[in-house]
All heavy atoms as atom14 arrays in JSON, in Angstrom:
{
  "sequence": "GLTASRFLACPFGAPGERMYRTGDLVRWRSDGQLDY",
  "atom14_mask": [
    [1, 1, 1, 1, 0, 0, 0, 0, 0, 0, 0, 0, 0, 0],
    [1, 1, 1, 1, 1, 1, 1, 1, 0, 0, 0, 0, 0, 0],
    [1, 1, 1, 1, 1, 1, 1, 0, 0, 0, 0, 0, 0, 0],
    [1, 1, 1, 1, 1, 0, 0, 0, 0, 0, 0, 0, 0, 0],
    [1, 1, 1, 1, 1, 1, 0, 0, 0, 0, 0, 0, 0, 0],
    [1, 1, 1, 1, 1, 1, 1, 1, 1, 1, 1, 0, 0, 0],
    [1, 1, 1, 1, 1, 1, 1, 1, 1, 1, 1, 0, 0, 0],
    [1, 1, 1, 1, 1, 1, 1, 1, 0, 0, 0, 0, 0, 0],
    [1, 1, 1, 1, 1, 0, 0, 0, 0, 0, 0, 0, 0, 0],
    [1, 1, 1, 1, 1, 1, 0, 0, 0, 0, 0, 0, 0, 0],
    [1, 1, 1, 1, 1, 1, 1, 0, 0, 0, 0, 0, 0, 0],
    [1, 1, 1, 1, 1, 1, 1, 1, 1, 1, 1, 0, 0, 0],
    [1, 1, 1, 1, 0, 0, 0, 0, 0, 0, 0, 0, 0, 0],
    [1, 1, 1, 1, 1, 0, 0, 0, 0, 0, 0, 0, 0, 0],
    [1, 1, 1, 1, 1, 1, 1, 0, 0, 0, 0, 0, 0, 0],
    [1, 1, 1, 1, 0, 0, 0, 0, 0, 0, 0, 0, 0, 0],
    [1, 1, 1, 1, 1, 1, 1, 1, 1, 0, 0, 0, 0, 0],
    [1, 1, 1, 1, 1, 1, 1, 1, 1, 1, 1, 0, 0, 0],
    [1, 1, 1, 1, 1, 1, 1, 1, 0, 0, 0, 0, 0, 0],
    [1, 1, 1, 1, 1, 1, 1, 1, 1, 1, 1, 1, 0, 0],
    [1, 1, 1, 1, 1, 1, 1, 1, 1, 1, 1, 0, 0, 0],
    [1, 1, 1, 1, 1, 1, 1, 0, 0, 0, 0, 0, 0, 0],
    [1, 1, 1, 1, 0, 0, 0, 0, 0, 0, 0, 0, 0, 0],
    [1, 1, 1, 1, 1, 1, 1, 1, 0, 0, 0, 0, 0, 0],
    [1, 1, 1, 1, 1, 1, 1, 1, 0, 0, 0, 0, 0, 0],
    [1, 1, 1, 1, 1, 1, 1, 0, 0, 0, 0, 0, 0, 0],
    [1, 1, 1, 1, 1, 1, 1, 1, 1, 1, 1, 0, 0, 0],
    [1, 1, 1, 1, 1, 1, 1, 1, 1, 1, 1, 1, 1, 1],
    [1, 1, 1, 1, 1, 1, 1, 1, 1, 1, 1, 0, 0, 0],
    [1, 1, 1, 1, 1, 1, 0, 0, 0, 0, 0, 0, 0, 0],
    [1, 1, 1, 1, 1, 1, 1, 1, 0, 0, 0, 0, 0, 0],
    [1, 1, 1, 1, 0, 0, 0, 0, 0, 0, 0, 0, 0, 0],
    [1, 1, 1, 1, 1, 1, 1, 1, 1, 0, 0, 0, 0, 0],
    [1, 1, 1, 1, 1, 1, 1, 1, 0, 0, 0, 0, 0, 0],
    [1, 1, 1, 1, 1, 1, 1, 1, 0, 0, 0, 0, 0, 0],
    [1, 1, 1, 1, 1, 1, 1, 1, 1, 1, 1, 1, 0, 0]
  ],
  "atom14_positions": [
    [[1.24, -27.58, -26.11], [1.77, -27.19, -27.4], [3.1, -26.49, -27.28], [4.09, -26.79, -27.96], [0.0, 0.0, 0.0], [0.0, 0.0, 0.0], [0.0, 0.0, 0.0], [0.0, 0.0, 0.0], [0.0, 0.0, 0.0], [0.0, 0.0, 0.0], [0.0, 0.0, 0.0], [0.0, 0.0, 0.0], [0.0, 0.0, 0.0], [0.0, 0.0, 0.0]],
    [[3.15, -25.51, -26.37], [4.37, -24.75, -26.14], [5.49, -25.65, -25.6], [6.65, -25.54, -25.96], [4.09, -23.55, -25.23], [5.29, -22.64, -24.96], [5.81, -22.01, -26.25], [4.9, -21.54, -23.97], [0.0, 0.0, 0.0], [0.0, 0.0, 0.0], [0.0, 0.0, 0.0], [0.0, 0.0, 0.0], [0.0, 0.0, 0.0], [0.0, 0.0, 0.0]],
    [[5.09, -26.54, -24.65], [6.03, -27.47, -24.08], [6.68, -28.34, -25.17], [7.9, -28.55, -25.22], [5.39, -28.37, -23.02], [4.96, -27.54, -21.93], [6.34, -29.43, -22.49], [0.0, 0.0, 0.0], [0.0, 0.0, 0.0], [0.0, 0.0, 0.0], [0.0, 0.0, 0.0], [0.0, 0.0, 0.0], [0.0, 0.0, 0.0], [0.0, 0.0, 0.0]],
    [[5.82, -28.85, -26.07], [6.33, -29.73, -27.15], [7.26, -29.02, -28.08], [8.17, -29.62, -28.65], [5.14, -30.35, -27.93], [0.0, 0.0, 0.0], [0.0, 0.0, 0.0], [0.0, 0.0, 0.0], [0.0, 0.0, 0.0], [0.0, 0.0, 0.0], [0.0, 0.0, 0.0], [0.0, 0.0, 0.0], [0.0, 0.0, 0.0], [0.0, 0.0, 0.0]],
    [[7.03, -27.71, -28.29], [7.89, -26.93, -29.26], [9.21, -26.5, -28.62], [10.12, -26.18, -29.36], [7.11, -25.7, -29.73], [6.94, -24.76, -28.69], [0.0, 0.0, 0.0], [0.0, 0.0, 0.0], [0.0, 0.0, 0.0], [0.0, 0.0, 0.0], [0.0, 0.0, 0.0], [0.0, 0.0, 0.0], [0.0, 0.0, 0.0], [0.0, 0.0, 0.0]],
    [[9.26, -26.5, -27.29], [10.48, -25.99, -26.63], [11.3, -27.06, -25.92], [12.52, -26.93, -25.76], [10.1, -24.9, -25.63], [9.69, -23.61, -26.28], [10.89, -22.97, -26.97], [10.49, -21.76, -27.71], [11.33, -21.03, -28.45], [12.61, -21.37, -28.47], [10.94, -19.98, -29.08], [0.0, 0.0, 0.0], [0.0, 0.0, 0.0], [0.0, 0.0, 0.0]],
    [[10.68, -28.12, -25.42], [11.39, -29.2, -24.72], [11.42, -30.39, -25.67], [10.42, -31.08, -25.86], [10.7, -29.54, -23.42], [10.8, -28.42, -22.4], [9.87, -27.38, -22.36], [11.84, -28.37, -21.46], [9.96, -26.35, -21.48], [11.95, -27.35, -20.53], [11.0, -26.32, -20.55], [0.0, 0.0, 0.0], [0.0, 0.0, 0.0], [0.0, 0.0, 0.0]],
    [[12.6, -30.66, -26.25], [12.71, -31.67, -27.3], [13.59, -32.84, -26.83], [14.35, -32.73, -25.89], [13.38, -31.03, -28.51], [12.87, -29.66, -28.97], [13.68, -29.14, -30.14], [11.39, -29.77, -29.38], [0.0, 0.0, 0.0], [0.0, 0.0, 0.0], [0.0, 0.0, 0.0], [0.0, 0.0, 0.0], [0.0, 0.0, 0.0], [0.0, 0.0, 0.0]],
    [[13.42, -33.98, -27.51], [14.3, -35.11, -27.26], [15.71, -34.7, -27.62], [15.99, -34.12, -28.67], [13.84, -36.33, -28.08], [0.0, 0.0, 0.0], [0.0, 0.0, 0.0], [0.0, 0.0, 0.0], [0.0, 0.0, 0.0], [0.0, 0.0, 0.0], [0.0, 0.0, 0.0], [0.0, 0.0, 0.0], [0.0, 0.0, 0.0], [0.0, 0.0, 0.0]],
    [[16.67, -35.03, -26.76], [18.05, -34.68, -26.99], [18.8, -35.76, -27.78], [18.96, -36.88, -27.26], [18.76, -34.43, -25.65], [20.51, -33.93, -25.85], [0.0, 0.0, 0.0], [0.0, 0.0, 0.0], [0.0, 0.0, 0.0], [0.0, 0.0, 0.0], [0.0, 0.0, 0.0], [0.0, 0.0, 0.0], [0.0, 0.0, 0.0], [0.0, 0.0, 0.0]],
    [[19.18, -35.48, -28.97], [19.85, -36.51, -29.79], [21.28, -36.81, -29.36], [21.94, -37.69, -29.9], [19.83, -35.95, -31.23], [19.81, -34.45, -31.03], [19.03, -34.22, -29.74], [0.0, 0.0, 0.0], [0.0, 0.0, 0.0], [0.0, 0.0, 0.0], [0.0, 0.0, 0.0], [0.0, 0.0, 0.0], [0.0, 0.0, 0.0], [0.0, 0.0, 0.0]],
    [[21.77, -36.06, -28.39], [23.2, -36.19, -27.99], [23.34, -36.8, -26.61], [24.45, -36.98, -26.13], [23.87, -34.8, -27.99], [23.6, -34.02, -29.26], [22.71, -32.97, -29.23], [24.26, -34.36, -30.44], [22.51, -32.22, -30.39], [24.03, -33.63, -31.6], [23.15, -32.56, -31.58], [0.0, 0.0, 0.0], [0.0, 0.0, 0.0], [0.0, 0.0, 0.0]],
    [[22.18, -37.13, -25.94], [22.27, -37.65, -24.57], [21.74, -39.08, -24.48], [21.58, -39.78, -25.5], [0.0, 0.0, 0.0], [0.0, 0.0, 0.0], [0.0, 0.0, 0.0], [0.0, 0.0, 0.0], [0.0, 0.0, 0.0], [0.0, 0.0, 0.0], [0.0, 0.0, 0.0], [0.0, 0.0, 0.0], [0.0, 0.0, 0.0], [0.0, 0.0, 0.0]],
    [[21.5, -39.47, -23.26], [20.97, -40.8, -22.98], [19.53, -40.91, -23.45], [18.83, -39.89, -23.6], [21.1, -41.11, -21.49], [0.0, 0.0, 0.0], [0.0, 0.0, 0.0], [0.0, 0.0, 0.0], [0.0, 0.0, 0.0], [0.0, 0.0, 0.0], [0.0, 0.0, 0.0], [0.0, 0.0, 0.0], [0.0, 0.0, 0.0], [0.0, 0.0, 0.0]],
    [[19.0, -42.13, -23.67], [17.63, -42.3, -24.06], [16.69, -41.63, -23.05], [16.83, -41.77, -21.81], [17.45, -43.81, -24.05], [18.83, -44.35, -24.32], [19.75, -43.4, -23.63], [0.0, 0.0, 0.0], [0.0, 0.0, 0.0], [0.0, 0.0, 0.0], [0.0, 0.0, 0.0], [0.0, 0.0, 0.0], [0.0, 0.0, 0.0], [0.0, 0.0, 0.0]],
    [[15.7, -40.86, -23.55], [14.74, -40.2, -22.7], [15.2, -38.78, -22.24], [14.4, -38.05, -21.7], [0.0, 0.0, 0.0], [0.0, 0.0, 0.0], [0.0, 0.0, 0.0], [0.0, 0.0, 0.0], [0.0, 0.0, 0.0], [0.0, 0.0, 0.0], [0.0, 0.0, 0.0], [0.0, 0.0, 0.0], [0.0, 0.0, 0.0], [0.0, 0.0, 0.0]],
    [[16.43, -38.44, -22.47], [16.9, -37.11, -22.07], [16.34, -36.05, -23.02], [16.24, -36.24, -24.23], [18.4, -37.07, -22.07], [18.97, -35.74, -21.49], [20.47, -35.74, -21.31], [21.1, -36.77, -21.62], [21.04, -34.72, -20.87], [0.0, 0.0, 0.0], [0.0, 0.0, 0.0], [0.0, 0.0, 0.0], [0.0, 0.0, 0.0], [0.0, 0.0, 0.0]],
    [[16.03, -34.9, -22.45], [15.46, -33.81, -23.23], [16.37, -32.62, -23.19], [17.26, -32.47, -22.31], [14.08, -33.41, -22.7], [13.06, -34.55, -22.81], [11.7, -34.05, -22.32], [11.79, -33.43, -21.05], [10.95, -32.49, -20.59], [9.99, -32.03, -21.39], [11.07, -32.0, -19.4], [0.0, 0.0, 0.0], [0.0, 0.0, 0.0], [0.0, 0.0, 0.0]],
    [[16.16, -31.72, -24.13], [16.91, -30.46, -24.14], [15.91, -29.32, -24.36], [14.83, -29.52, -24.95], [17.97, -30.46, -25.23], [17.47, -30.64, -26.64], [18.84, -30.7, -27.83], [17.95, -30.8, -29.37], [0.0, 0.0, 0.0], [0.0, 0.0, 0.0], [0.0, 0.0, 0.0], [0.0, 0.0, 0.0], [0.0, 0.0, 0.0], [0.0, 0.0, 0.0]],
    [[16.31, -28.15, -23.89], [15.43, -26.94, -24.0], [15.91, -26.02, -25.1], [17.11, -25.7, -25.14], [15.42, -26.19, -22.66], [14.77, -24.83, -22.77], [13.39, -24.75, -23.05], [15.48, -23.68, -22.58], [12.79, -23.52, -23.16], [14.89, -22.44, -22.69], [13.5, -22.34, -22.98], [12.92, -21.13, -23.13], [0.0, 0.0, 0.0], [0.0, 0.0, 0.0]],
    [[15.02, -25.68, -25.99], [15.34, -24.77, -27.11], [15.17, -23.35, -26.61], [14.05, -22.91, -26.3], [14.42, -25.06, -28.28], [14.65, -24.17, -29.48], [13.67, -24.48, -30.6], [13.99, -23.69, -31.76], [13.27, -23.75, -32.91], [12.21, -24.54, -32.99], [13.62, -22.99, -33.95], [0.0, 0.0, 0.0], [0.0, 0.0, 0.0], [0.0, 0.0, 0.0]],
    [[16.27, -22.6, -26.49], [16.21, -21.28, -25.85], [15.67, -20.16, -26.74], [15.15, -19.2, -26.23], [17.61, -20.89, -25.37], [18.45, -20.62, -26.51], [18.24, -21.93, -24.46], [0.0, 0.0, 0.0], [0.0, 0.0, 0.0], [0.0, 0.0, 0.0], [0.0, 0.0, 0.0], [0.0, 0.0, 0.0], [0.0, 0.0, 0.0], [0.0, 0.0, 0.0]],
    [[15.88, -20.31, -28.06], [15.51, -19.17, -28.96], [16.6, -18.11, -28.97], [16.42, -17.04, -29.59], [0.0, 0.0, 0.0], [0.0, 0.0, 0.0], [0.0, 0.0, 0.0], [0.0, 0.0, 0.0], [0.0, 0.0, 0.0], [0.0, 0.0, 0.0], [0.0, 0.0, 0.0], [0.0, 0.0, 0.0], [0.0, 0.0, 0.0], [0.0, 0.0, 0.0]],
    [[17.72, -18.35, -28.27], [18.82, -17.38, -28.24], [19.89, -17.77, -29.29], [20.21, -18.93, -29.47], [19.47, -17.35, -26.84], [18.57, -16.72, -25.81], [17.83, -15.8, -26.17], [18.58, -17.16, -24.66], [0.0, 0.0, 0.0], [0.0, 0.0, 0.0], [0.0, 0.0, 0.0], [0.0, 0.0, 0.0], [0.0, 0.0, 0.0], [0.0, 0.0, 0.0]],
    [[20.42, -16.78, -29.95], [21.48, -16.99, -30.95], [22.84, -16.73, -30.31], [23.05, -15.69, -29.66], [21.28, -16.04, -32.15], [19.98, -16.22, -32.91], [19.81, -15.16, -33.97], [19.91, -17.64, -33.52], [0.0, 0.0, 0.0], [0.0, 0.0, 0.0], [0.0, 0.0, 0.0], [0.0, 0.0, 0.0], [0.0, 0.0, 0.0], [0.0, 0.0, 0.0]],
    [[23.73, -17.69, -30.48], [25.04, -17.59, -29.87], [26.08, -18.14, -30.86], [25.76, -18.66, -31.91], [25.14, -18.41, -28.57], [24.18, -17.87, -27.52], [24.86, -19.92, -28.86], [0.0, 0.0, 0.0], [0.0, 0.0, 0.0], [0.0, 0.0, 0.0], [0.0, 0.0, 0.0], [0.0, 0.0, 0.0], [0.0, 0.0, 0.0], [0.0, 0.0, 0.0]],
    [[27.35, -18.01, -30.51], [28.42, -18.69, -31.27], [29.55, -18.99, -30.29], [29.84, -18.22, -29.37], [28.91, -17.8, -32.42], [29.58, -16.51, -32.01], [29.97, -15.68, -33.19], [30.32, -14.31, -32.79], [30.21, -13.29, -33.57], [29.73, -13.4, -34.8], [30.53, -12.07, -33.15], [0.0, 0.0, 0.0], [0.0, 0.0, 0.0], [0.0, 0.0, 0.0]],
    [[30.18, -20.13, -30.52], [31.33, -20.52, -29.72], [32.55, -19.64, -30.08], [32.8, -19.39, -31.27], [31.72, -21.99, -29.93], [30.75, -22.97, -29.38], [29.94, -23.82, -30.05], [30.55, -23.28, -28.0], [29.21, -24.59, -29.2], [29.56, -24.27, -27.91], [31.08, -22.74, -26.81], [29.12, -24.8, -26.71], [30.63, -23.25, -25.6], [29.65, -24.28, -25.56]],
    [[33.27, -19.24, -29.09], [34.54, -18.51, -29.31], [35.68, -19.51, -29.2], [35.53, -20.66, -28.74], [34.71, -17.42, -28.25], [33.63, -16.42, -28.31], [33.68, -15.3, -27.3], [34.79, -15.23, -26.4], [35.15, -14.08, -25.78], [34.5, -12.99, -25.98], [36.14, -14.09, -24.93], [0.0, 0.0, 0.0], [0.0, 0.0, 0.0], [0.0, 0.0, 0.0]],
    [[36.84, -19.1, -29.69], [37.99, -20.03, -29.65], [38.42, -20.36, -28.24], [39.09, -21.38, -28.05], [39.16, -19.37, -30.42], [39.5, -18.1, -29.87], [0.0, 0.0, 0.0], [0.0, 0.0, 0.0], [0.0, 0.0, 0.0], [0.0, 0.0, 0.0], [0.0, 0.0, 0.0], [0.0, 0.0, 0.0], [0.0, 0.0, 0.0], [0.0, 0.0, 0.0]],
    [[38.05, -19.54, -27.25], [38.45, -19.83, -25.88], [37.41, -20.66, -25.15], [37.48, -20.86, -23.93], [38.7, -18.52, -25.11], [37.45, -17.64, -25.01], [36.39, -18.04, -25.52], [37.55, -16.55, -24.39], [0.0, 0.0, 0.0], [0.0, 0.0, 0.0], [0.0, 0.0, 0.0], [0.0, 0.0, 0.0], [0.0, 0.0, 0.0], [0.0, 0.0, 0.0]],
    [[36.41, -21.21, -25.87], [35.42, -22.09, -25.25], [34.26, -21.38, -24.61], [33.37, -22.04, -23.98], [0.0, 0.0, 0.0], [0.0, 0.0, 0.0], [0.0, 0.0, 0.0], [0.0, 0.0, 0.0], [0.0, 0.0, 0.0], [0.0, 0.0, 0.0], [0.0, 0.0, 0.0], [0.0, 0.0, 0.0], [0.0, 0.0, 0.0], [0.0, 0.0, 0.0]],
    [[34.21, -20.05, -24.74], [33.07, -19.32, -24.2], [32.1, -18.99, -25.32], [32.4, -19.1, -26.49], [33.56, -18.01, -23.54], [34.49, -18.21, -22.35], [34.7, -16.93, -21.62], [34.01, -16.6, -20.66], [35.7, -16.15, -22.0], [0.0, 0.0, 0.0], [0.0, 0.0, 0.0], [0.0, 0.0, 0.0], [0.0, 0.0, 0.0], [0.0, 0.0, 0.0]],
    [[30.93, -18.56, -24.93], [29.84, -18.25, -25.9], [29.58, -16.77, -26.0], [29.55, -16.06, -24.94], [28.52, -18.94, -25.47], [28.45, -20.42, -25.7], [27.23, -20.98, -24.98], [28.36, -20.76, -27.18], [0.0, 0.0, 0.0], [0.0, 0.0, 0.0], [0.0, 0.0, 0.0], [0.0, 0.0, 0.0], [0.0, 0.0, 0.0], [0.0, 0.0, 0.0]],
    [[29.48, -16.25, -27.2], [29.01, -14.9, -27.43], [27.51, -14.92, -27.61], [26.98, -15.79, -28.35], [29.63, -14.31, -28.71], [31.04, -13.81, -28.48], [31.34, -13.34, -27.38], [31.86, -13.93, -29.44], [0.0, 0.0, 0.0], [0.0, 0.0, 0.0], [0.0, 0.0, 0.0], [0.0, 0.0, 0.0], [0.0, 0.0, 0.0], [0.0, 0.0, 0.0]],
    [[26.82, -14.04, -26.94], [25.34, -13.91, -27.1], [25.04, -12.86, -28.14], [25.53, -11.74, -28.07], [24.69, -13.51, -25.75], [23.22, -13.26, -25.87], [22.32, -14.32, -25.79], [22.71, -11.97, -26.03], [20.96, -14.09, -25.86], [21.34, -11.76, -26.12], [20.49, -12.8, -26.04], [19.14, -12.6, -26.14], [0.0, 0.0, 0.0], [0.0, 0.0, 0.0]]
  ]
}
């Protein structure tokens, strides 16, 4: 159950690729880095 809620199909990658939902809130900066 936990695996299914955190490891999801990635809509931006190749078929079958998955992505991990971190639960972390971030935002992109203008210099291409992330603020946590």
